[in-house]
Amino acid sequence: MGKAKKLFIKTYGCQMNVYDSERMAEAMGGQGYVTTDCAEDADMILLNTCHIREKAAEKMYSELGRMKPLKQARPGVKIGVTGCVAQAEGAEIMRRAPMVDLVVGPQSYHRLPAMEAAVQGGARALDTDFPEEDKFDHLIARPKAARAPSAFLTVQEGCDKFCAFCVVPYTRGAEVSRPAARVLDEARDLVERGVRELTLLGQNVNAYHGHPGGLAGLIRDLALIDGLARIRYTTSHPNDMDDALIAAHGDCDKLMPYLHLPVQSGSDRVLKAMNRKHTAQHYLALINRIRAARPDIMLSGDFIVGFPGETDADFQQTLDLVRAVGYGQCYSFKYSSRPGTPAAERAQVDDVVASERLQVLQALLTSQQVAIQNAMVGREVSVLFEKPGRLPGQMGGKSQYLHAVHAHAPDLAAGTVARVRIVESARNSLGGVLV
């Protein structure tokens, strides 16, 4: 038996990229590769890129520059770029970075083994097509190794919304949902290997239509799996938050009381310019309906400040919406243009102004997050313990609200769900005692 080859994957961006990297590693495992945490030891290096954040392509090229000495020292090491930057700029990457052996988009990585065989033969390989076949049908069966208590499971990819700032429809393609039977099979397999919590992933996950009952129907079927204790999903669009899904938050015990529901702005004028197809009032009314179904739900969101044309009055409306909702967690960003998107062609907000607005918004969001976290002190929560903490005998995990929680629990195994009374609130975590 030959010596195993080593594979290093660096993952950027969203949870879907984390899931994709796992599946790439599994696909390459069938070619005799084992994963390594050290690029210097690797026979193949894959950069799984994300195009959402600012200067994503520049960061990728910088990373490739840092790897140039490694390639010079070991010419046999193969370097690949995968993910959304690969999809958007595949031919340019091949032209600009001769050290790159292969480029593959996020819908074609099931072809990695064949591409690897080609590059081992001295060729360079590029595949950024949107294939007609379902990549999940062509990926090898997941290995039976034990898994951590929490796992991601992609159920939907792509987006048909075409928000003016977003590249996802161009890099991930149109909305596609995996058939429910295949999702359920993969979920059962993960649970058999120790997974207690699944987070269902999609660029627009609540548009899932692979089950007759939509995402709510899939969640209810997943809830029937023995051993699966918790279900979450991300990321959602307000326009696809239907009655059935809202009802599931109220009566499905395994669906956790945490919802990431991006709104992006509190200004109707900006929302229209963003092509979001909803208003601030629609969003607030939706939040009220969700809270009526599940009063203790914790809300998370996304905001973009400095979108082209945003005025001081528009920004104040965003602050007003934030105050009206009260977020337990949020992600906020300064607008940065993406080539090929409609907003990239519009007059940009002054960068200094946008930066100042971002600081004001983040201060407000942080104050809400801290207040909600501090209010947990004295309450009992349910914690899925995942790994040892920093102190002897300590275990760490996540509450049903996705707060990081640690407690002295030397006799608990990873994967245990236990009641914890919160006794302290630190900057990014809660401390508690077992009940």
Protein backbone atom coordinates (compact mmCIF):
# COMPACT_ATOMS: atom_id res chain seq x y z
CA MET A 1 0.00 0.00 0.00
CA GLY A 2 1.47 3.37 -1.00
CA LYS A 3 2.10 6.27 1.31
CA ALA A 4 -0.97 8.46 1.84
CA LYS A 5 -0.92 11.83 0.16
CA LYS A 6 -1.71 14.89 2.27
CA LEU A 7 -4.40 17.49 1.55
CA PHE A 8 -4.54 20.98 3.07
CA ILE A 9 -7.72 23.03 2.65
CA LYS A 10 -8.01 26.66 3.72
CA THR A 11 -11.66 27.68 3.99
CA TYR A 12 -12.90 31.25 3.70
CA GLY A 13 -16.35 32.68 4.35
CA CYS A 14 -19.68 31.10 5.08
CA GLN A 15 -20.80 27.85 6.67
CA MET A 16 -21.61 26.46 3.24
CA ASN A 17 -17.93 26.68 2.39
CA VAL A 18 -17.15 24.75 5.58
CA TYR A 19 -19.54 22.02 4.43
CA ASP A 20 -18.12 22.10 0.90
CA SER A 21 -14.57 21.74 2.24
CA GLU A 22 -15.61 18.65 4.18
CA ARG A 23 -17.10 17.10 1.05
CA MET A 24 -13.99 17.98 -0.99
CA ALA A 25 -11.81 16.27 1.60
CA GLU A 26 -14.04 13.21 1.45
CA ALA A 27 -13.91 13.17 -2.35
CA MET A 28 -10.14 13.38 -2.31
CA GLY A 29 -9.99 10.72 0.40
CA GLY A 30 -11.13 8.32 -2.30
CA GLN A 31 -7.96 9.26 -4.20
CA GLY A 32 -5.72 8.35 -1.26
CA TYR A 33 -5.48 11.77 0.41
CA VAL A 34 -5.61 12.41 4.14
CA THR A 35 -6.11 15.91 5.52
CA THR A 36 -3.36 17.89 7.24
CA ASP A 37 -3.39 21.16 9.15
CA CYS A 38 0.00 22.17 7.76
CA ALA A 39 0.32 23.53 4.21
CA GLU A 40 4.06 22.87 4.26
CA ASP A 41 3.43 19.12 4.54
CA ALA A 42 0.72 18.94 1.88
CA ASP A 43 0.86 17.28 -1.51
CA MET A 44 -2.21 19.29 -2.55
CA ILE A 45 -3.41 22.69 -1.30
CA LEU A 46 -6.94 23.95 -1.93
CA LEU A 47 -8.09 27.50 -1.20
CA ASN A 48 -11.88 27.36 -0.84
CA THR A 49 -12.78 30.99 -1.47
CA CYS A 50 -15.73 33.26 -0.69
CA HIS A 51 -16.74 36.25 -2.84
CA ILE A 52 -19.01 37.98 -0.31
CA ARG A 53 -16.47 39.89 1.74
CA GLU A 54 -14.50 42.92 0.59
CA LYS A 55 -11.43 42.38 -1.57
CA ALA A 56 -11.95 38.62 -1.67
CA ALA A 57 -9.94 38.15 -4.87
CA GLU A 58 -7.07 40.30 -3.60
CA LYS A 59 -6.88 38.25 -0.41
CA MET A 60 -6.75 35.06 -2.46
CA TYR A 61 -3.89 36.37 -4.60
CA SER A 62 -2.05 37.46 -1.45
CA GLU A 63 -2.41 33.94 -0.06
CA LEU A 64 -1.11 32.49 -3.32
CA GLY A 65 1.85 34.87 -3.08
CA ARG A 66 2.67 33.53 0.38
CA MET A 67 2.62 30.01 -1.03
CA LYS A 68 4.98 30.78 -3.90
CA PRO A 69 8.16 29.88 -1.96
CA LEU A 70 6.55 26.59 -0.96
CA LYS A 71 5.78 25.79 -4.60
CA GLN A 72 9.33 26.75 -5.62
CA ALA A 73 10.81 24.51 -2.93
CA ARG A 74 8.47 21.62 -3.75
CA PRO A 75 7.39 21.87 -7.41
CA GLY A 76 5.39 18.66 -7.06
CA VAL A 77 2.84 20.17 -4.70
CA LYS A 78 -0.43 20.90 -6.48
CA ILE A 79 -2.36 24.11 -5.74
CA GLY A 80 -6.04 24.63 -6.46
CA VAL A 81 -8.56 27.43 -6.04
CA THR A 82 -12.17 26.46 -5.38
CA GLY A 83 -15.35 28.23 -4.30
CA CYS A 84 -17.03 31.44 -5.39
CA VAL A 85 -13.96 33.49 -6.38
CA ALA A 86 -12.94 30.54 -8.54
CA GLN A 87 -16.38 30.58 -10.17
CA ALA A 88 -16.29 34.33 -10.79
CA GLU A 89 -12.70 34.68 -11.97
CA GLY A 90 -11.55 31.22 -13.02
CA ALA A 91 -9.89 32.09 -16.34
CA GLU A 92 -8.27 35.20 -14.85
CA ILE A 93 -6.82 33.14 -11.98
CA MET A 94 -5.30 30.70 -14.43
CA ARG A 95 -3.82 33.57 -16.43
CA ARG A 96 -2.57 35.64 -13.52
CA ALA A 97 -1.29 32.84 -11.28
CA PRO A 98 0.68 30.22 -13.28
CA MET A 99 1.46 28.39 -10.02
CA VAL A 100 -2.22 27.37 -9.75
CA ASP A 101 -2.81 23.87 -11.12
CA LEU A 102 -6.58 23.70 -10.96
CA VAL A 103 -9.60 25.98 -10.54
CA VAL A 104 -13.04 24.59 -9.81
CA GLY A 105 -16.35 26.30 -8.98
CA PRO A 106 -18.63 25.41 -6.06
CA GLN A 107 -21.06 23.41 -8.22
CA SER A 108 -18.37 21.26 -9.84
CA TYR A 109 -16.15 20.08 -7.01
CA HIS A 110 -17.44 16.52 -7.40
CA ARG A 111 -15.12 16.49 -10.42
CA LEU A 112 -12.05 17.13 -8.26
CA PRO A 113 -10.75 13.53 -8.45
CA ALA A 114 -10.70 13.61 -12.26
CA MET A 115 -9.11 17.06 -12.22
CA GLU A 116 -6.47 15.87 -9.75
CA ALA A 117 -5.60 12.99 -12.06
CA ALA A 118 -5.18 15.44 -14.93
CA VAL A 119 -2.87 17.78 -13.01
CA GLN A 120 -0.78 14.85 -11.84
CA GLY A 121 -0.24 14.19 -15.51
CA GLY A 122 1.09 17.69 -15.98
CA ALA A 123 -2.04 19.47 -17.20
CA ARG A 124 -3.77 22.50 -15.72
CA ALA A 125 -7.49 22.11 -15.11
CA LEU A 126 -10.34 24.65 -15.08
CA ASP A 127 -14.00 23.82 -14.42
CA THR A 128 -16.43 26.62 -13.64
CA ASP A 129 -19.44 25.27 -15.50
CA PHE A 130 -22.85 24.94 -13.88
CA PRO A 131 -23.25 21.19 -14.51
CA GLU A 132 -26.61 19.65 -15.30
CA GLU A 133 -25.95 16.73 -12.98
CA ASP A 134 -26.42 17.00 -9.21
CA LYS A 135 -22.97 17.09 -7.62
CA PHE A 136 -24.33 15.32 -4.53
CA ASP A 137 -25.17 12.28 -6.67
CA HIS A 138 -21.51 11.98 -7.67
CA LEU A 139 -19.81 12.54 -4.33
CA ILE A 140 -18.59 9.41 -2.59
CA ALA A 141 -20.45 8.11 0.47
CA ARG A 142 -19.41 9.92 3.62
CA PRO A 143 -16.83 7.98 5.68
CA LYS A 144 -18.08 6.39 8.90
CA ALA A 145 -15.71 8.24 11.24
CA ALA A 146 -17.10 9.73 14.45
CA ARG A 147 -18.25 13.32 14.18
CA ALA A 148 -18.41 16.32 16.48
CA PRO A 149 -21.81 16.90 18.14
CA SER A 150 -22.73 19.74 15.73
CA ALA A 151 -22.62 19.56 11.95
CA PHE A 152 -23.65 21.54 8.87
CA LEU A 153 -25.86 19.98 6.20
CA THR A 154 -26.43 21.76 2.88
CA VAL A 155 -30.03 21.41 1.69
CA GLN A 156 -30.31 24.29 -0.81
CA GLU A 157 -27.92 26.23 -3.01
CA GLY A 158 -28.09 29.29 -5.20
CA CYS A 159 -30.41 32.28 -5.16
CA ASP A 160 -33.00 33.79 -7.50
CA LYS A 161 -33.41 37.09 -5.62
CA PHE A 162 -30.71 39.12 -7.42
CA CYS A 163 -30.13 41.68 -4.69
CA ALA A 164 -28.26 44.56 -6.30
CA PHE A 165 -25.18 44.13 -4.08
CA CYS A 166 -24.79 40.35 -4.21
CA VAL A 167 -22.75 37.99 -6.41
CA VAL A 168 -24.33 34.75 -5.18
CA PRO A 169 -26.70 34.27 -8.17
CA TYR A 170 -23.66 34.56 -10.45
CA THR A 171 -21.31 32.31 -8.45
CA ARG A 172 -23.70 29.70 -7.01
CA GLY A 173 -26.35 29.81 -9.72
CA ALA A 174 -30.13 29.49 -9.55
CA GLU A 175 -31.94 28.11 -6.50
CA VAL A 176 -31.70 24.33 -6.32
CA SER A 177 -33.05 22.15 -3.51
CA ARG A 178 -31.78 18.70 -2.61
CA PRO A 179 -34.49 16.00 -2.48
CA ALA A 180 -35.74 15.46 1.05
CA ALA A 181 -35.03 11.72 0.98
CA ARG A 182 -31.33 12.34 0.35
CA VAL A 183 -31.14 15.03 3.02
CA LEU A 184 -32.79 12.70 5.53
CA ASP A 185 -30.43 9.85 4.63
CA GLU A 186 -27.40 12.08 5.16
CA ALA A 187 -28.86 13.38 8.41
CA ARG A 188 -29.43 9.85 9.74
CA ASP A 189 -25.88 8.91 8.80
CA LEU A 190 -24.49 11.94 10.65
CA VAL A 191 -26.56 11.16 13.75
CA GLU A 192 -25.31 7.55 13.72
CA ARG A 193 -21.78 8.98 13.93
CA GLY A 194 -22.46 11.18 16.94
CA VAL A 195 -24.06 14.36 15.61
CA ARG A 196 -26.73 15.77 17.96
CA GLU A 197 -27.33 19.15 16.26
CA LEU A 198 -27.76 19.89 12.56
CA THR A 199 -27.67 23.31 10.96
CA LEU A 200 -29.40 23.23 7.57
CA LEU A 201 -27.60 25.43 5.08
CA GLY A 202 -28.64 27.33 2.00
CA GLN A 203 -27.93 30.66 0.36
CA ASN A 204 -31.68 31.15 0.68
CA VAL A 205 -32.57 28.17 2.85
CA ASN A 206 -36.20 28.98 3.54
CA ALA A 207 -36.88 28.86 -0.21
CA TYR A 208 -36.20 25.09 0.07
CA HIS A 209 -38.69 23.12 -2.03
CA GLY A 210 -37.27 19.59 -1.99
CA HIS A 211 -40.05 18.49 0.39
CA PRO A 212 -43.80 18.86 -0.31
CA GLY A 213 -44.05 20.83 2.93
CA GLY A 214 -41.07 23.07 2.15
CA LEU A 215 -38.45 23.73 4.78
CA ALA A 216 -41.01 23.30 7.57
CA GLY A 217 -41.89 19.83 6.26
CA LEU A 218 -38.23 18.86 6.09
CA ILE A 219 -37.64 20.10 9.65
CA ARG A 220 -40.60 18.11 10.95
CA ASP A 221 -39.30 14.92 9.30
CA LEU A 222 -35.80 15.55 10.65
CA ALA A 223 -37.30 15.96 14.12
CA LEU A 224 -38.46 12.33 13.96
CA ILE A 225 -34.84 11.05 13.81
CA ASP A 226 -33.95 9.40 17.12
CA GLY A 227 -30.81 10.88 18.61
CA LEU A 228 -31.07 14.22 16.80
CA ALA A 229 -31.63 16.76 19.56
CA ARG A 230 -31.46 20.11 17.77
CA ILE A 231 -32.19 21.66 14.39
CA ARG A 232 -31.19 25.10 13.10
CA TYR A 233 -31.15 26.70 9.65
CA THR A 234 -29.44 29.62 7.93
CA THR A 235 -29.56 31.92 5.90
CA SER A 236 -33.14 33.09 5.30
CA HIS A 237 -34.89 35.73 3.22
CA PRO A 238 -37.89 37.58 4.70
CA ASN A 239 -39.96 36.99 1.55
CA ASP A 240 -39.76 33.19 1.99
CA MET A 241 -40.72 33.06 5.67
CA ASP A 242 -44.07 31.28 5.21
CA ASP A 243 -46.82 30.42 7.69
CA ALA A 244 -45.74 26.79 7.99
CA LEU A 245 -42.19 27.71 8.94
CA ILE A 246 -43.37 30.28 11.48
CA ALA A 247 -45.67 27.63 12.97
CA ALA A 248 -42.77 25.17 13.20
CA HIS A 249 -40.92 27.64 15.40
CA GLY A 250 -43.85 27.50 17.78
CA ASP A 251 -44.53 23.77 17.98
CA CYS A 252 -41.41 21.85 16.90
CA ASP A 253 -39.39 21.33 20.07
CA LYS A 254 -36.20 20.37 18.23
CA LEU A 255 -36.15 23.59 16.19
CA MET A 256 -34.04 25.97 18.25
CA PRO A 257 -35.33 29.44 19.23
CA TYR A 258 -32.75 31.30 17.16
CA LEU A 259 -33.34 32.86 13.74
CA HIS A 260 -30.94 34.63 11.40
CA LEU A 261 -33.18 36.80 9.21
CA PRO A 262 -31.23 39.49 7.30
CA VAL A 263 -32.95 42.78 6.46
CA GLN A 264 -29.91 44.82 5.25
CA SER A 265 -31.47 48.28 5.78
CA GLY A 266 -34.32 50.01 7.59
CA SER A 267 -34.98 52.44 4.73
CA ASP A 268 -37.63 51.52 2.17
CA ARG A 269 -35.87 53.67 -0.40
CA VAL A 270 -32.61 51.77 0.09
CA LEU A 271 -34.37 48.41 0.23
CA LYS A 272 -35.93 49.16 -3.15
CA ALA A 273 -32.54 50.17 -4.56
CA MET A 274 -31.15 46.90 -3.18
CA ASN A 275 -33.93 44.96 -4.97
CA ARG A 276 -34.92 43.32 -1.69
CA LYS A 277 -38.65 43.31 -2.62
CA HIS A 278 -39.83 43.94 0.94
CA THR A 279 -40.28 47.01 3.11
CA ALA A 280 -39.14 47.76 6.64
CA GLN A 281 -42.74 47.51 7.84
CA HIS A 282 -43.13 44.11 6.20
CA TYR A 283 -40.02 42.93 8.02
CA LEU A 284 -41.19 44.30 11.39
CA ALA A 285 -44.63 42.73 10.96
CA LEU A 286 -42.94 39.43 10.16
CA ILE A 287 -40.83 39.66 13.32
CA ASN A 288 -44.00 40.23 15.34
CA ARG A 289 -45.61 37.11 13.86
CA ILE A 290 -42.53 35.02 14.58
CA ARG A 291 -42.37 36.26 18.15
CA ALA A 292 -46.05 35.52 18.61
CA ALA A 293 -45.31 31.90 17.65
CA ARG A 294 -42.11 31.68 19.74
CA PRO A 295 -41.89 34.53 22.29
CA ASP A 296 -38.37 33.67 23.50
CA ILE A 297 -36.79 33.51 20.04
CA MET A 298 -33.44 35.28 19.67
CA LEU A 299 -32.97 37.19 16.44
CA SER A 300 -29.90 37.77 14.31
CA GLY A 301 -29.54 39.79 11.14
CA ASP A 302 -27.30 41.39 8.51
CA PHE A 303 -26.92 45.09 7.73
CA ILE A 304 -25.12 46.96 4.97
CA VAL A 305 -24.32 50.64 5.55
CA GLY A 306 -23.14 53.10 2.93
CA PHE A 307 -25.11 51.46 0.11
CA PRO A 308 -25.03 53.71 -2.99
CA GLY A 309 -27.47 56.58 -2.49
CA GLU A 310 -27.93 56.05 1.27
CA THR A 311 -28.57 59.37 3.01
CA ASP A 312 -28.33 60.35 6.68
CA ALA A 313 -32.11 60.00 6.88
CA ASP A 314 -31.95 56.49 5.40
CA PHE A 315 -29.32 55.52 7.94
CA GLN A 316 -31.43 56.86 10.81
CA GLN A 317 -34.26 54.63 9.62
CA THR A 318 -31.91 51.67 9.89
CA LEU A 319 -31.10 52.63 13.48
CA ASP A 320 -34.83 52.95 14.18
CA LEU A 321 -35.46 49.43 12.86
CA VAL A 322 -32.64 48.00 14.98
CA ARG A 323 -34.12 49.63 18.09
CA ALA A 324 -37.56 48.26 17.22
CA VAL A 325 -36.32 44.67 16.78
CA GLY A 326 -33.69 44.23 19.49
CA TYR A 327 -31.09 41.81 18.11
CA GLY A 328 -29.23 39.25 20.15
CA GLN A 329 -26.55 38.97 17.50
CA CYS A 330 -25.86 40.76 14.23
CA TYR A 331 -23.43 41.14 11.37
CA SER A 332 -22.89 44.58 9.88
CA PHE A 333 -20.71 45.65 6.99
CA LYS A 334 -19.73 48.68 5.01
CA TYR A 335 -20.88 48.36 1.41
CA SER A 336 -18.20 47.30 -1.03
CA SER A 337 -18.93 46.95 -4.71
CA ARG A 338 -18.83 43.62 -6.51
CA PRO A 339 -18.00 43.77 -10.23
CA GLY A 340 -20.91 42.66 -12.36
CA THR A 341 -23.60 43.54 -9.82
CA PRO A 342 -26.04 46.44 -10.52
CA ALA A 343 -24.96 48.46 -7.48
CA ALA A 344 -21.34 48.50 -8.63
CA GLU A 345 -22.27 50.94 -11.39
CA ARG A 346 -23.83 53.51 -9.05
CA ALA A 347 -22.29 56.53 -7.33
CA GLN A 348 -20.68 55.41 -4.09
CA VAL A 349 -21.16 56.91 -0.62
CA ASP A 350 -18.08 58.69 0.70
CA ASP A 351 -15.93 56.10 2.48
CA VAL A 352 -15.40 58.26 5.58
CA VAL A 353 -19.16 58.75 5.94
CA ALA A 354 -19.81 55.02 5.49
CA SER A 355 -17.17 54.17 8.09
CA GLU A 356 -18.68 56.58 10.60
CA ARG A 357 -22.14 55.10 10.05
CA LEU A 358 -20.80 51.59 10.53
CA GLN A 359 -19.25 52.54 13.88
CA VAL A 360 -22.54 54.03 15.09
CA LEU A 361 -24.53 50.99 13.96
CA GLN A 362 -22.10 48.50 15.48
CA ALA A 363 -22.15 50.35 18.80
CA LEU A 364 -25.95 50.07 18.90
CA LEU A 365 -25.93 46.40 17.89
CA THR A 366 -23.25 45.62 20.48
CA SER A 367 -25.25 47.32 23.22
CA GLN A 368 -28.27 45.16 22.34
CA GLN A 369 -26.21 41.99 22.23
CA VAL A 370 -24.62 42.71 25.61
CA ALA A 371 -27.98 43.57 27.20
CA ILE A 372 -29.59 40.34 25.99
CA GLN A 373 -26.60 38.28 27.05
CA ASN A 374 -26.50 39.91 30.52
CA ALA A 375 -30.22 39.23 30.91
CA MET A 376 -29.46 35.50 30.71
CA VAL A 377 -27.85 35.60 34.17
CA GLY A 378 -30.13 33.81 36.60
CA ARG A 379 -31.93 31.86 33.86
CA GLU A 380 -31.71 28.16 33.10
CA VAL A 381 -30.75 27.17 29.57
CA SER A 382 -30.27 23.94 27.67
CA VAL A 383 -26.65 23.42 26.60
CA LEU A 384 -25.24 21.01 24.05
CA PHE A 385 -21.73 20.40 25.37
CA GLU A 386 -19.20 19.99 22.58
CA LYS A 387 -15.63 20.09 23.89
CA PRO A 388 -13.47 20.69 26.98
CA GLY A 389 -13.11 24.29 28.16
CA ARG A 390 -9.96 26.15 29.09
CA LEU A 391 -10.02 25.14 32.77
CA PRO A 392 -9.66 21.60 34.19
CA GLY A 393 -13.01 19.84 34.36
CA GLN A 394 -14.71 22.54 32.31
CA MET A 395 -16.87 21.82 29.27
CA GLY A 396 -18.05 24.26 26.63
CA GLY A 397 -21.04 24.25 24.36
CA LYS A 398 -23.94 26.24 22.93
CA SER A 399 -27.28 27.16 24.47
CA GLN A 400 -30.51 26.92 22.51
CA TYR A 401 -29.99 30.62 21.74
CA LEU A 402 -26.52 29.92 20.28
CA HIS A 403 -24.74 31.61 23.19
CA ALA A 404 -21.37 30.08 24.04
CA VAL A 405 -21.67 28.57 27.55
CA HIS A 406 -19.07 26.96 29.81
CA ALA A 407 -19.58 25.08 33.05
CA HIS A 408 -17.71 22.78 35.41
CA ALA A 409 -18.84 19.40 34.13
CA PRO A 410 -15.98 16.88 34.40
CA ASP A 411 -18.26 13.84 34.06
CA LEU A 412 -20.15 14.94 30.94
CA ALA A 413 -19.23 13.58 27.55
CA ALA A 414 -19.24 15.66 24.39
CA GLY A 415 -22.67 15.44 22.81
CA THR A 416 -24.56 15.63 26.12
CA VAL A 417 -27.46 18.07 26.42
CA ALA A 418 -27.86 19.34 29.99
CA ARG A 419 -29.61 22.09 31.92
CA VAL A 420 -27.37 24.93 33.11
CA ARG A 421 -28.13 27.90 35.35
CA ILE A 422 -26.28 30.98 34.09
CA VAL A 423 -24.31 32.76 36.81
CA GLU A 424 -22.05 35.12 34.86
CA SER A 425 -21.84 36.98 31.56
CA ALA A 426 -18.45 37.62 29.99
CA ARG A 427 -17.68 39.45 26.77
CA ASN A 428 -18.34 36.58 24.39
CA SER A 429 -19.65 33.79 26.58
CA LEU A 430 -21.79 32.81 29.54
CA GLY A 431 -20.68 30.88 32.63
CA GLY A 432 -23.01 28.53 34.44
CA VAL A 433 -23.48 25.61 36.81
CA LEU A 434 -25.18 22.30 36.06
CA VAL A 435 -28.71 22.06 37.41
